[in-house]
Amino acid sequence: MPNTKQAEKRIRITAKRTARNRHVKSTVKTAVRRFSDTLAQGNLEAAGDKLKSAVKTIDKAVSKGVIHKNAAARKKSRLTKSLNRAASGNR
């Protein structure tokens, strides 16, 4: 239990931020999963569109401060690399 008004306020703020961060992270994971599923089906054109969507979602998460920019760069790089491997025929 919080002992001060400020502690009560921090609890409310933390709860609000945690909820927002959870939603944004979930959105990123969903976008990445949709891309991976489309790529696994072998549909490269649709996978390219899903990649654009995933990258956009990741960039939005960075701008909101939910994930670090280097973590986002790593995710985007790995997704792009997987699409390029599939396009060239090497898995």
PDB file of N, CA and C in Angstrom:
ATOM      1  N   MET A   1       0.835  -1.187   0.000  1.00  0.00           N
ATOM      2  CA  MET A   1       0.000   0.000   0.000  1.00  0.00           C
ATOM      3  C   MET A   1       0.881   1.252   0.000  1.00  0.00           C
ATOM      4  N   PRO A   2       0.537   2.207  -0.841  1.00  0.00           N
ATOM      5  CA  PRO A   2       1.309   3.444  -0.862  1.00  0.00           C
ATOM      6  C   PRO A   2       1.028   4.278   0.387  1.00  0.00           C
ATOM      7  N   ASN A   3       2.064   4.956   0.842  1.00  0.00           N
ATOM      8  CA  ASN A   3       1.923   5.752   2.059  1.00  0.00           C
ATOM      9  C   ASN A   3       1.684   7.230   1.777  1.00  0.00           C
ATOM     10  N   THR A   4       2.006   7.659   0.565  1.00  0.00           N
ATOM     11  CA  THR A   4       1.871   9.080   0.244  1.00  0.00           C
ATOM     12  C   THR A   4       1.034   9.252  -1.014  1.00  0.00           C
ATOM     13  N   LYS A   5       0.577  10.496  -1.221  1.00  0.00           N
ATOM     14  CA  LYS A   5      -0.185  10.786  -2.436  1.00  0.00           C
ATOM     15  C   LYS A   5       0.681  10.574  -3.668  1.00  0.00           C
ATOM     16  N   GLN A   6       1.952  10.951  -3.566  1.00  0.00           N
ATOM     17  CA  GLN A   6       2.854  10.797  -4.704  1.00  0.00           C
ATOM     18  C   GLN A   6       3.039   9.319  -5.054  1.00  0.00           C
ATOM     19  N   ALA A   7       3.123   8.472  -4.043  1.00  0.00           N
ATOM     20  CA  ALA A   7       3.261   7.037  -4.288  1.00  0.00           C
ATOM     21  C   ALA A   7       2.011   6.485  -4.969  1.00  0.00           C
ATOM     22  N   GLU A   8       0.838   6.977  -4.575  1.00  0.00           N
ATOM     23  CA  GLU A   8      -0.408   6.555  -5.226  1.00  0.00           C
ATOM     24  C   GLU A   8      -0.398   6.963  -6.693  1.00  0.00           C
ATOM     25  N   LYS A   9       0.049   8.184  -6.938  1.00  0.00           N
ATOM     26  CA  LYS A   9       0.093   8.692  -8.305  1.00  0.00           C
ATOM     27  C   LYS A   9       1.073   7.871  -9.155  1.00  0.00           C
ATOM     28  N   ARG A  10       2.227   7.537  -8.592  1.00  0.00           N
ATOM     29  CA  ARG A  10       3.210   6.749  -9.339  1.00  0.00           C
ATOM     30  C   ARG A  10       2.640   5.376  -9.696  1.00  0.00           C
ATOM     31  N   ILE A  11       1.859   4.805  -8.813  1.00  0.00           N
ATOM     32  CA  ILE A  11       1.239   3.509  -9.089  1.00  0.00           C
ATOM     33  C   ILE A  11       0.275   3.637 -10.266  1.00  0.00           C
ATOM     34  N   ARG A  12      -0.539   4.702 -10.270  1.00  0.00           N
ATOM     35  CA  ARG A  12      -1.471   4.915 -11.380  1.00  0.00           C
ATOM     36  C   ARG A  12      -0.722   5.120 -12.697  1.00  0.00           C
ATOM     37  N   ILE A  13       0.320   5.930 -12.664  1.00  0.00           N
ATOM     38  CA  ILE A  13       1.088   6.207 -13.880  1.00  0.00           C
ATOM     39  C   ILE A  13       1.756   4.942 -14.393  1.00  0.00           C
ATOM     40  N   THR A  14       2.348   4.182 -13.485  1.00  0.00           N
ATOM     41  CA  THR A  14       3.028   2.943 -13.878  1.00  0.00           C
ATOM     42  C   THR A  14       2.043   1.962 -14.506  1.00  0.00           C
ATOM     43  N   ALA A  15       0.860   1.860 -13.931  1.00  0.00           N
ATOM     44  CA  ALA A  15      -0.154   0.945 -14.479  1.00  0.00           C
ATOM     45  C   ALA A  15      -0.556   1.366 -15.886  1.00  0.00           C
ATOM     46  N   LYS A  16      -0.726   2.660 -16.088  1.00  0.00           N
ATOM     47  CA  LYS A  16      -1.117   3.171 -17.391  1.00  0.00           C
ATOM     48  C   LYS A  16      -0.016   2.912 -18.432  1.00  0.00           C
ATOM     49  N   ARG A  17       1.227   3.186 -18.055  1.00  0.00           N
ATOM     50  CA  ARG A  17       2.348   2.981 -18.978  1.00  0.00           C
ATOM     51  C   ARG A  17       2.554   1.505 -19.283  1.00  0.00           C
ATOM     52  N   THR A  18       2.397   0.666 -18.263  1.00  0.00           N
ATOM     53  CA  THR A  18       2.556  -0.775 -18.462  1.00  0.00           C
ATOM     54  C   THR A  18       1.521  -1.299 -19.442  1.00  0.00           C
ATOM     55  N   ALA A  19       0.294  -0.829 -19.311  1.00  0.00           N
ATOM     56  CA  ALA A  19      -0.768  -1.259 -20.226  1.00  0.00           C
ATOM     57  C   ALA A  19      -0.457  -0.831 -21.655  1.00  0.00           C
ATOM     58  N   ARG A  20       0.009   0.411 -21.826  1.00  0.00           N
ATOM     59  CA  ARG A  20       0.341   0.895 -23.168  1.00  0.00           C
ATOM     60  C   ARG A  20       1.501   0.101 -23.747  1.00  0.00           C
ATOM     61  N   ASN A  21       2.541  -0.115 -22.942  1.00  0.00           N
ATOM     62  CA  ASN A  21       3.702  -0.856 -23.431  1.00  0.00           C
ATOM     63  C   ASN A  21       3.335  -2.276 -23.810  1.00  0.00           C
ATOM     64  N   ARG A  22       2.481  -2.906 -23.015  1.00  0.00           N
ATOM     65  CA  ARG A  22       2.055  -4.275 -23.307  1.00  0.00           C
ATOM     66  C   ARG A  22       1.311  -4.318 -24.640  1.00  0.00           C
ATOM     67  N   HIS A  23       0.447  -3.341 -24.881  1.00  0.00           N
ATOM     68  CA  HIS A  23      -0.308  -3.296 -26.123  1.00  0.00           C
ATOM     69  C   HIS A  23       0.615  -3.104 -27.320  1.00  0.00           C
ATOM     70  N   VAL A  24       1.562  -2.199 -27.207  1.00  0.00           N
ATOM     71  CA  VAL A  24       2.469  -1.919 -28.327  1.00  0.00           C
ATOM     72  C   VAL A  24       3.345  -3.132 -28.618  1.00  0.00           C
ATOM     73  N   LYS A  25       3.874  -3.770 -27.583  1.00  0.00           N
ATOM     74  CA  LYS A  25       4.715  -4.953 -27.780  1.00  0.00           C
ATOM     75  C   LYS A  25       3.919  -6.083 -28.422  1.00  0.00           C
ATOM     76  N   SER A  26       2.680  -6.238 -28.003  1.00  0.00           N
ATOM     77  CA  SER A  26       1.823  -7.268 -28.573  1.00  0.00           C
ATOM     78  C   SER A  26       1.571  -6.995 -30.055  1.00  0.00           C
ATOM     79  N   THR A  27       1.366  -5.723 -30.392  1.00  0.00           N
ATOM     80  CA  THR A  27       1.142  -5.348 -31.783  1.00  0.00           C
ATOM     81  C   THR A  27       2.368  -5.678 -32.634  1.00  0.00           C
ATOM     82  N   VAL A  28       3.547  -5.414 -32.098  1.00  0.00           N
ATOM     83  CA  VAL A  28       4.792  -5.715 -32.817  1.00  0.00           C
ATOM     84  C   VAL A  28       4.913  -7.217 -33.036  1.00  0.00           C
ATOM     85  N   LYS A  29       4.669  -7.986 -31.984  1.00  0.00           N
ATOM     86  CA  LYS A  29       4.775  -9.441 -32.100  1.00  0.00           C
ATOM     87  C   LYS A  29       3.789  -9.988 -33.123  1.00  0.00           C
ATOM     88  N   THR A  30       2.585  -9.438 -33.149  1.00  0.00           N
ATOM     89  CA  THR A  30       1.574  -9.889 -34.100  1.00  0.00           C
ATOM     90  C   THR A  30       2.005  -9.590 -35.529  1.00  0.00           C
ATOM     91  N   ALA A  31       2.553  -8.396 -35.761  1.00  0.00           N
ATOM     92  CA  ALA A  31       2.997  -8.023 -37.103  1.00  0.00           C
ATOM     93  C   ALA A  31       4.123  -8.938 -37.564  1.00  0.00           C
ATOM     94  N   VAL A  32       5.056  -9.242 -36.667  1.00  0.00           N
ATOM     95  CA  VAL A  32       6.181 -10.120 -37.011  1.00  0.00           C
ATOM     96  C   VAL A  32       5.670 -11.532 -37.296  1.00  0.00           C
ATOM     97  N   ARG A  33       4.721 -11.992 -36.488  1.00  0.00           N
ATOM     98  CA  ARG A  33       4.182 -13.343 -36.691  1.00  0.00           C
ATOM     99  C   ARG A  33       3.435 -13.439 -38.019  1.00  0.00           C
ATOM    100  N   ARG A  34       2.663 -12.412 -38.361  1.00  0.00           N
ATOM    101  CA  ARG A  34       1.948 -12.429 -39.642  1.00  0.00           C
ATOM    102  C   ARG A  34       2.922 -12.483 -40.806  1.00  0.00           C
ATOM    103  N   PHE A  35       4.025 -11.740 -40.694  1.00  0.00           N
ATOM    104  CA  PHE A  35       5.049 -11.785 -41.743  1.00  0.00           C
ATOM    105  C   PHE A  35       5.645 -13.187 -41.834  1.00  0.00           C
ATOM    106  N   SER A  36       5.998 -13.761 -40.699  1.00  0.00           N
ATOM    107  CA  SER A  36       6.619 -15.088 -40.691  1.00  0.00           C
ATOM    108  C   SER A  36       5.686 -16.151 -41.259  1.00  0.00           C
ATOM    109  N   ASP A  37       4.412 -16.068 -40.901  1.00  0.00           N
ATOM    110  CA  ASP A  37       3.441 -17.029 -41.414  1.00  0.00           C
ATOM    111  C   ASP A  37       3.289 -16.916 -42.927  1.00  0.00           C
ATOM    112  N   THR A  38       3.233 -15.692 -43.416  1.00  0.00           N
ATOM    113  CA  THR A  38       3.095 -15.482 -44.855  1.00  0.00           C
ATOM    114  C   THR A  38       4.334 -15.976 -45.591  1.00  0.00           C
ATOM    115  N   LEU A  39       5.502 -15.729 -45.008  1.00  0.00           N
ATOM    116  CA  LEU A  39       6.753 -16.172 -45.617  1.00  0.00           C
ATOM    117  C   LEU A  39       6.825 -17.693 -45.633  1.00  0.00           C
ATOM    118  N   ALA A  40       6.355 -18.325 -44.570  1.00  0.00           N
ATOM    119  CA  ALA A  40       6.381 -19.789 -44.487  1.00  0.00           C
ATOM    120  C   ALA A  40       5.481 -20.421 -45.547  1.00  0.00           C
ATOM    121  N   GLN A  41       4.420 -19.717 -45.934  1.00  0.00           N
ATOM    122  CA  GLN A  41       3.527 -20.230 -46.974  1.00  0.00           C
ATOM    123  C   GLN A  41       4.152 -20.099 -48.356  1.00  0.00           C
ATOM    124  N   GLY A  42       5.210 -19.309 -48.475  1.00  0.00           N
ATOM    125  CA  GLY A  42       5.907 -19.164 -49.740  1.00  0.00           C
ATOM    126  C   GLY A  42       5.392 -18.042 -50.616  1.00  0.00           C
ATOM    127  N   ASN A  43       4.497 -17.243 -50.108  1.00  0.00           N
ATOM    128  CA  ASN A  43       3.948 -16.123 -50.874  1.00  0.00           C
ATOM    129  C   ASN A  43       4.851 -14.904 -50.661  1.00  0.00           C
ATOM    130  N   LEU A  44       5.805 -14.687 -51.581  1.00  0.00           N
ATOM    131  CA  LEU A  44       6.817 -13.655 -51.379  1.00  0.00           C
ATOM    132  C   LEU A  44       6.273 -12.245 -51.542  1.00  0.00           C
ATOM    133  N   GLU A  45       5.328 -12.044 -52.464  1.00  0.00           N
ATOM    134  CA  GLU A  45       4.771 -10.700 -52.642  1.00  0.00           C
ATOM    135  C   GLU A  45       4.007 -10.259 -51.396  1.00  0.00           C
ATOM    136  N   ALA A  46       3.169 -11.144 -50.890  1.00  0.00           N
ATOM    137  CA  ALA A  46       2.414 -10.819 -49.681  1.00  0.00           C
ATOM    138  C   ALA A  46       3.358 -10.662 -48.489  1.00  0.00           C
ATOM    139  N   ALA A  47       4.422 -11.477 -48.470  1.00  0.00           N
ATOM    140  CA  ALA A  47       5.397 -11.374 -47.381  1.00  0.00           C
ATOM    141  C   ALA A  47       6.102 -10.021 -47.421  1.00  0.00           C
ATOM    142  N   GLY A  48       6.357  -9.513 -48.620  1.00  0.00           N
ATOM    143  CA  GLY A  48       6.962  -8.187 -48.748  1.00  0.00           C
ATOM    144  C   GLY A  48       6.063  -7.109 -48.170  1.00  0.00           C
ATOM    145  N   ASP A  49       4.765  -7.228 -48.429  1.00  0.00           N
ATOM    146  CA  ASP A  49       3.808  -6.269 -47.866  1.00  0.00           C
ATOM    147  C   ASP A  49       3.749  -6.380 -46.346  1.00  0.00           C
ATOM    148  N   LYS A  50       3.757  -7.616 -45.861  1.00  0.00           N
ATOM    149  CA  LYS A  50       3.719  -7.834 -44.407  1.00  0.00           C
ATOM    150  C   LYS A  50       5.000  -7.318 -43.760  1.00  0.00           C
ATOM    151  N   LEU A  51       6.125  -7.430 -44.477  1.00  0.00           N
ATOM    152  CA  LEU A  51       7.385  -6.903 -43.949  1.00  0.00           C
ATOM    153  C   LEU A  51       7.299  -5.389 -43.786  1.00  0.00           C
ATOM    154  N   LYS A  52       6.756  -4.711 -44.793  1.00  0.00           N
ATOM    155  CA  LYS A  52       6.591  -3.256 -44.692  1.00  0.00           C
ATOM    156  C   LYS A  52       5.746  -2.894 -43.482  1.00  0.00           C
ATOM    157  N   SER A  53       4.669  -3.631 -43.298  1.00  0.00           N
ATOM    158  CA  SER A  53       3.775  -3.382 -42.169  1.00  0.00           C
ATOM    159  C   SER A  53       4.488  -3.622 -40.844  1.00  0.00           C
ATOM    160  N   ALA A  54       5.270  -4.701 -40.775  1.00  0.00           N
ATOM    161  CA  ALA A  54       5.990  -5.026 -39.536  1.00  0.00           C
ATOM    162  C   ALA A  54       7.028  -3.956 -39.219  1.00  0.00           C
ATOM    163  N   VAL A  55       7.748  -3.503 -40.243  1.00  0.00           N
ATOM    164  CA  VAL A  55       8.766  -2.469 -40.039  1.00  0.00           C
ATOM    165  C   VAL A  55       8.115  -1.180 -39.554  1.00  0.00           C
ATOM    166  N   LYS A  56       6.985  -0.842 -40.131  1.00  0.00           N
ATOM    167  CA  LYS A  56       6.264   0.365 -39.710  1.00  0.00           C
ATOM    168  C   LYS A  56       5.842   0.250 -38.248  1.00  0.00           C
ATOM    169  N   THR A  57       5.345  -0.906 -37.870  1.00  0.00           N
ATOM    170  CA  THR A  57       4.907  -1.133 -36.491  1.00  0.00           C
ATOM    171  C   THR A  57       6.091  -1.052 -35.529  1.00  0.00           C
ATOM    172  N   ILE A  58       7.217  -1.635 -35.923  1.00  0.00           N
ATOM    173  CA  ILE A  58       8.417  -1.595 -35.083  1.00  0.00           C
ATOM    174  C   ILE A  58       8.888  -0.154 -34.910  1.00  0.00           C
ATOM    175  N   ASP A  59       8.877   0.609 -36.002  1.00  0.00           N
ATOM    176  CA  ASP A  59       9.308   2.012 -35.926  1.00  0.00           C
ATOM    177  C   ASP A  59       8.392   2.832 -35.018  1.00  0.00           C
ATOM    178  N   LYS A  60       7.101   2.537 -35.053  1.00  0.00           N
ATOM    179  CA  LYS A  60       6.169   3.235 -34.165  1.00  0.00           C
ATOM    180  C   LYS A  60       6.480   2.906 -32.704  1.00  0.00           C
ATOM    181  N   ALA A  61       6.818   1.652 -32.433  1.00  0.00           N
ATOM    182  CA  ALA A  61       7.149   1.255 -31.067  1.00  0.00           C
ATOM    183  C   ALA A  61       8.399   1.984 -30.577  1.00  0.00           C
ATOM    184  N   VAL A  62       9.361   2.193 -31.481  1.00  0.00           N
ATOM    185  CA  VAL A  62      10.574   2.927 -31.108  1.00  0.00           C
ATOM    186  C   VAL A  62      10.234   4.376 -30.799  1.00  0.00           C
ATOM    187  N   SER A  63       9.384   4.977 -31.620  1.00  0.00           N
ATOM    188  CA  SER A  63       9.054   6.382 -31.419  1.00  0.00           C
ATOM    189  C   SER A  63       8.304   6.600 -30.104  1.00  0.00           C
ATOM    190  N   LYS A  64       7.599   5.581 -29.650  1.00  0.00           N
ATOM    191  CA  LYS A  64       6.880   5.687 -28.372  1.00  0.00           C
ATOM    192  C   LYS A  64       7.763   5.317 -27.193  1.00  0.00           C
ATOM    193  N   GLY A  65       8.985   4.856 -27.481  1.00  0.00           N
ATOM    194  CA  GLY A  65       9.919   4.521 -26.410  1.00  0.00           C
ATOM    195  C   GLY A  65       9.677   3.166 -25.792  1.00  0.00           C
ATOM    196  N   VAL A  66       8.946   2.312 -26.478  1.00  0.00           N
ATOM    197  CA  VAL A  66       8.636   0.998 -25.914  1.00  0.00           C
ATOM    198  C   VAL A  66       9.797   0.034 -26.121  1.00  0.00           C
ATOM    199  N   ILE A  67      10.425   0.079 -27.298  1.00  0.00           N
ATOM    200  CA  ILE A  67      11.608  -0.749 -27.533  1.00  0.00           C
ATOM    201  C   ILE A  67      12.763   0.149 -27.956  1.00  0.00           C
ATOM    202  N   HIS A  68      13.967  -0.300 -27.678  1.00  0.00           N
ATOM    203  CA  HIS A  68      15.171   0.465 -27.984  1.00  0.00           C
ATOM    204  C   HIS A  68      15.425   0.464 -29.483  1.00  0.00           C
ATOM    205  N   LYS A  69      16.025   1.534 -29.981  1.00  0.00           N
ATOM    206  CA  LYS A  69      16.225   1.655 -31.427  1.00  0.00           C
ATOM    207  C   LYS A  69      17.152   0.583 -31.970  1.00  0.00           C
ATOM    208  N   ASN A  70      18.136   0.151 -31.179  1.00  0.00           N
ATOM    209  CA  ASN A  70      19.032  -0.897 -31.666  1.00  0.00           C
ATOM    210  C   ASN A  70      18.328  -2.247 -31.704  1.00  0.00           C
ATOM    211  N   ALA A  71      17.452  -2.502 -30.764  1.00  0.00           N
ATOM    212  CA  ALA A  71      16.671  -3.740 -30.777  1.00  0.00           C
ATOM    213  C   ALA A  71      15.751  -3.756 -31.992  1.00  0.00           C
ATOM    214  N   ALA A  72      15.190  -2.588 -32.306  1.00  0.00           N
ATOM    215  CA  ALA A  72      14.316  -2.480 -33.479  1.00  0.00           C
ATOM    216  C   ALA A  72      15.114  -2.713 -34.752  1.00  0.00           C
ATOM    217  N   ALA A  73      16.302  -2.130 -34.821  1.00  0.00           N
ATOM    218  CA  ALA A  73      17.146  -2.305 -36.002  1.00  0.00           C
ATOM    219  C   ALA A  73      17.501  -3.773 -36.185  1.00  0.00           C
ATOM    220  N   ARG A  74      17.771  -4.456 -35.083  1.00  0.00           N
ATOM    221  CA  ARG A  74      18.104  -5.882 -35.147  1.00  0.00           C
ATOM    222  C   ARG A  74      16.919  -6.694 -35.649  1.00  0.00           C
ATOM    223  N   LYS A  75      15.720  -6.393 -35.131  1.00  0.00           N
ATOM    224  CA  LYS A  75      14.517  -7.109 -35.581  1.00  0.00           C
ATOM    225  C   LYS A  75      14.286  -6.895 -37.071  1.00  0.00           C
ATOM    226  N   LYS A  76      14.362  -5.632 -37.508  1.00  0.00           N
ATOM    227  CA  LYS A  76      14.112  -5.309 -38.912  1.00  0.00           C
ATOM    228  C   LYS A  76      15.137  -5.991 -39.810  1.00  0.00           C
ATOM    229  N   SER A  77      16.384  -6.005 -39.366  1.00  0.00           N
ATOM    230  CA  SER A  77      17.440  -6.636 -40.147  1.00  0.00           C
ATOM    231  C   SER A  77      17.191  -8.128 -40.307  1.00  0.00           C
ATOM    232  N   ARG A  78      16.806  -8.767 -39.228  1.00  0.00           N
ATOM    233  CA  ARG A  78      16.570 -10.216 -39.287  1.00  0.00           C
ATOM    234  C   ARG A  78      15.364 -10.556 -40.159  1.00  0.00           C
ATOM    235  N   LEU A  79      14.324  -9.741 -40.071  1.00  0.00           N
ATOM    236  CA  LEU A  79      13.149  -9.989 -40.908  1.00  0.00           C
ATOM    237  C   LEU A  79      13.489  -9.812 -42.382  1.00  0.00           C
ATOM    238  N   THR A  80      14.215  -8.745 -42.692  1.00  0.00           N
ATOM    239  CA  THR A  80      14.596  -8.480 -44.082  1.00  0.00           C
ATOM    240  C   THR A  80      15.503  -9.579 -44.610  1.00  0.00           C
ATOM    241  N   LYS A  81      16.424 -10.019 -43.755  1.00  0.00           N
ATOM    242  CA  LYS A  81      17.342 -11.087 -44.156  1.00  0.00           C
ATOM    243  C   LYS A  81      16.577 -12.373 -44.463  1.00  0.00           C
ATOM    244  N   SER A  82      15.565 -12.668 -43.652  1.00  0.00           N
ATOM    245  CA  SER A  82      14.794 -13.893 -43.887  1.00  0.00           C
ATOM    246  C   SER A  82      14.011 -13.805 -45.194  1.00  0.00           C
ATOM    247  N   LEU A  83      13.488 -12.619 -45.511  1.00  0.00           N
ATOM    248  CA  LEU A  83      12.778 -12.450 -46.781  1.00  0.00           C
ATOM    249  C   LEU A  83      13.740 -12.590 -47.955  1.00  0.00           C
ATOM    250  N   ASN A  84      14.923 -11.991 -47.837  1.00  0.00           N
ATOM    251  CA  ASN A  84      15.901 -12.064 -48.923  1.00  0.00           C
ATOM    252  C   ASN A  84      16.384 -13.490 -49.137  1.00  0.00           C
ATOM    253  N   ARG A  85      16.560 -14.240 -48.041  1.00  0.00           N
ATOM    254  CA  ARG A  85      16.968 -15.652 -48.173  1.00  0.00           C
ATOM    255  C   ARG A  85      15.887 -16.445 -48.902  1.00  0.00           C
ATOM    256  N   ALA A  86      14.643 -16.213 -48.548  1.00  0.00           N
ATOM    257  CA  ALA A  86      13.543 -16.939 -49.173  1.00  0.00           C
ATOM    258  C   ALA A  86      13.436 -16.574 -50.646  1.00  0.00           C
ATOM    259  N   ALA A  87      13.678 -15.311 -50.966  1.00  0.00           N
ATOM    260  CA  ALA A  87      13.588 -14.866 -52.356  1.00  0.00           C
ATOM    261  C   ALA A  87      14.693 -15.458 -53.211  1.00  0.00           C
ATOM    262  N   SER A  88      15.883 -15.639 -52.601  1.00  0.00           N
ATOM    263  CA  SER A  88      16.989 -16.197 -53.377  1.00  0.00           C
ATOM    264  C   SER A  88      16.946 -17.716 -53.439  1.00  0.00           C
ATOM    265  N   GLY A  89      16.098 -18.314 -52.622  1.00  0.00           N
ATOM    266  CA  GLY A  89      15.949 -19.761 -52.657  1.00  0.00           C
ATOM    267  C   GLY A  89      16.763 -20.485 -51.611  1.00  0.00           C
ATOM    268  N   ASN A  90      17.600 -19.767 -50.858  1.00  0.00           N
ATOM    269  CA  ASN A  90      18.398 -20.389 -49.800  1.00  0.00           C
ATOM    270  C   ASN A  90      17.670 -20.266 -48.474  1.00  0.00           C
ATOM    271  N   ARG A  91      17.545 -21.335 -47.764  1.00  0.00           N
ATOM    272  CA  ARG A  91      16.913 -21.276 -46.452  1.00  0.00           C
ATOM    273  C   ARG A  91      17.897 -21.728 -45.475  1.00  0.00           C
TER     274      ARG A  91
END
